[in-house]
Amino acid sequence: MPALTLFVGSLPASASNERLEEIFSEIGPVKQCFVVRDKGTEKCRGFGYVTFSMEEDAQRAMKDVKEFDGKKLSISVAKKKIKDKRKTAPKEPAPAPVPAPKQNEEKTKGIRKTHLKARLIIRNLSFK
């Protein structure tokens, strides 16, 4: 059975990793457990995550665990973290390969000739 992570909300400001693990380990073996804290103050932000080794234990914890030191908890299945936005975005067709630029096109600065319409330039003509 795969592990399942629970989002635990409505934690009191005094919540600790040890106490959270103590409460949830009564249900079953806890793989990982932590309280999310502010960086500067190290004060609990009011939520944490608990990962159970077995999915059945996580389901049972959602039903059985109701409070943390007298405060009512809200427990739900945690959403998966998106690691790379390119992996989740729908795949677009690859752009058509651009032909290699000719020698005179390489000399032009800033303008890509491959994206412009073809035109002919004739220079050094007399005004007549």
Protein backbone atom coordinates (compact mmCIF):
# COMPACT_ATOMS: atom_id res chain seq x y z
CA MET A 1 0.00 0.00 0.00
CA PRO A 2 1.31 3.48 -0.82
CA ALA A 3 1.90 6.11 1.85
CA LEU A 4 -0.68 8.85 2.25
CA THR A 5 -0.07 12.38 3.52
CA LEU A 6 -2.67 14.29 5.52
CA PHE A 7 -2.99 18.05 5.84
CA VAL A 8 -3.73 18.98 9.45
CA GLY A 9 -5.21 22.46 9.86
CA SER A 10 -6.33 24.58 12.84
CA LEU A 11 -3.29 23.73 14.96
CA PRO A 12 -2.71 25.96 18.02
CA ALA A 13 0.31 28.31 18.10
CA SER A 14 1.94 26.07 20.71
CA ALA A 15 1.92 22.97 18.47
CA SER A 16 5.14 20.97 18.19
CA ASN A 17 6.35 18.21 15.90
CA GLU A 18 6.70 15.81 18.83
CA ARG A 19 3.15 16.35 20.12
CA LEU A 20 1.66 16.04 16.62
CA GLU A 21 3.52 12.78 16.06
CA GLU A 22 2.45 11.53 19.48
CA ILE A 23 -1.24 12.08 18.68
CA PHE A 24 -1.16 10.51 15.21
CA SER A 25 1.14 7.57 16.07
CA GLU A 26 -1.67 6.21 18.27
CA ILE A 27 -3.50 5.39 15.00
CA GLY A 28 -0.60 3.67 13.24
CA PRO A 29 3.07 4.00 12.23
CA VAL A 30 3.90 7.54 11.11
CA LYS A 31 6.45 7.88 8.33
CA GLN A 32 6.93 11.65 8.58
CA CYS A 33 5.31 14.37 10.65
CA PHE A 34 5.97 18.11 10.91
CA VAL A 35 4.39 21.41 11.91
CA VAL A 36 4.88 24.33 9.50
CA ARG A 37 6.47 27.33 11.26
CA ASP A 38 7.26 30.97 10.47
CA LYS A 39 10.91 31.43 9.51
CA GLY A 40 11.67 34.37 11.79
CA THR A 41 9.62 33.65 14.91
CA GLU A 42 9.51 29.80 14.82
CA LYS A 43 5.83 30.11 15.78
CA CYS A 44 3.38 27.52 14.40
CA ARG A 45 1.53 28.81 11.32
CA GLY A 46 -1.52 26.75 12.23
CA PHE A 47 -1.04 23.72 10.02
CA GLY A 48 1.16 20.68 9.50
CA TYR A 49 1.53 17.44 7.59
CA VAL A 50 1.45 13.80 8.68
CA THR A 51 2.52 10.96 6.36
CA PHE A 52 1.41 7.47 7.30
CA SER A 53 3.15 4.30 6.17
CA MET A 54 -0.15 2.70 5.23
CA GLU A 55 -3.16 4.24 3.52
CA GLU A 56 -5.62 2.50 5.87
CA ASP A 57 -4.06 4.25 8.87
CA ALA A 58 -4.41 7.62 7.18
CA GLN A 59 -8.09 6.96 6.43
CA ARG A 60 -8.68 5.93 10.03
CA ALA A 61 -6.86 9.02 11.34
CA MET A 62 -9.16 11.26 9.31
CA LYS A 63 -12.14 9.70 11.11
CA ASP A 64 -10.74 9.23 14.63
CA VAL A 65 -8.49 12.22 15.36
CA LYS A 66 -10.63 15.25 16.14
CA GLU A 67 -8.63 17.57 18.42
CA PHE A 68 -5.13 18.70 19.37
CA ASP A 69 -4.80 19.66 23.05
CA GLY A 70 -8.47 20.64 23.23
CA LYS A 71 -8.59 22.52 19.90
CA LYS A 72 -10.69 21.07 17.05
CA LEU A 73 -8.63 20.04 14.01
CA SER A 74 -9.47 20.03 10.33
CA ILE A 75 -7.88 17.05 8.58
CA SER A 76 -7.88 16.38 4.84
CA VAL A 77 -5.77 14.57 2.26
CA ALA A 78 -2.81 16.74 1.25
CA LYS A 79 -2.55 17.83 -2.36
CA LYS A 80 0.51 16.80 -4.34
CA LYS A 81 3.24 19.41 -4.67
CA ILE A 82 3.88 20.53 -8.22
CA LYS A 83 7.62 20.31 -8.73
CA ASP A 84 7.93 21.51 -12.31
CA LYS A 85 5.30 23.54 -14.11
CA ARG A 86 6.41 22.20 -17.50
CA LYS A 87 5.50 18.64 -16.50
CA THR A 88 1.89 19.53 -15.66
CA ALA A 89 1.24 21.88 -18.58
CA PRO A 90 -0.37 20.35 -21.66
CA LYS A 91 2.26 19.44 -24.21
CA GLU A 92 2.40 21.73 -27.19
CA PRO A 93 3.58 20.57 -30.59
CA ALA A 94 7.24 21.27 -31.21
CA PRO A 95 7.87 24.32 -33.41
CA ALA A 96 8.87 23.64 -36.99
CA PRO A 97 12.63 23.57 -37.45
CA VAL A 98 14.02 26.85 -38.73
CA PRO A 99 16.34 26.49 -41.72
CA ALA A 100 19.95 27.51 -41.13
CA PRO A 101 20.50 31.20 -41.89
CA LYS A 102 22.40 32.11 -45.04
CA GLN A 103 25.66 33.99 -44.84
CA ASN A 104 24.21 37.40 -45.77
CA GLU A 105 21.33 36.97 -43.26
CA GLU A 106 23.82 36.43 -40.42
CA LYS A 107 25.19 39.95 -40.97
CA THR A 108 21.89 41.72 -40.31
CA LYS A 109 21.57 42.81 -36.70
CA GLY A 110 18.44 42.45 -34.58
CA ILE A 111 16.06 41.32 -37.34
CA ARG A 112 15.36 37.71 -38.02
CA LYS A 113 14.84 37.31 -41.72
CA THR A 114 13.14 33.95 -41.29
CA HIS A 115 10.10 35.63 -39.71
CA LEU A 116 9.76 38.43 -42.30
CA LYS A 117 8.16 38.19 -45.71
CA ALA A 118 10.57 37.99 -48.62
CA ARG A 119 11.51 41.29 -50.24
CA LEU A 120 14.11 42.44 -52.72
CA ILE A 121 16.36 45.44 -52.03
CA ILE A 122 18.29 47.05 -54.85
CA ARG A 123 20.81 49.74 -53.93
CA ASN A 124 23.01 52.31 -55.65
CA LEU A 125 20.58 53.10 -58.44
CA SER A 126 20.57 56.54 -60.03
CA PHE A 127 17.53 58.74 -59.35
CA LYS A 128 16.67 58.71 -63.07
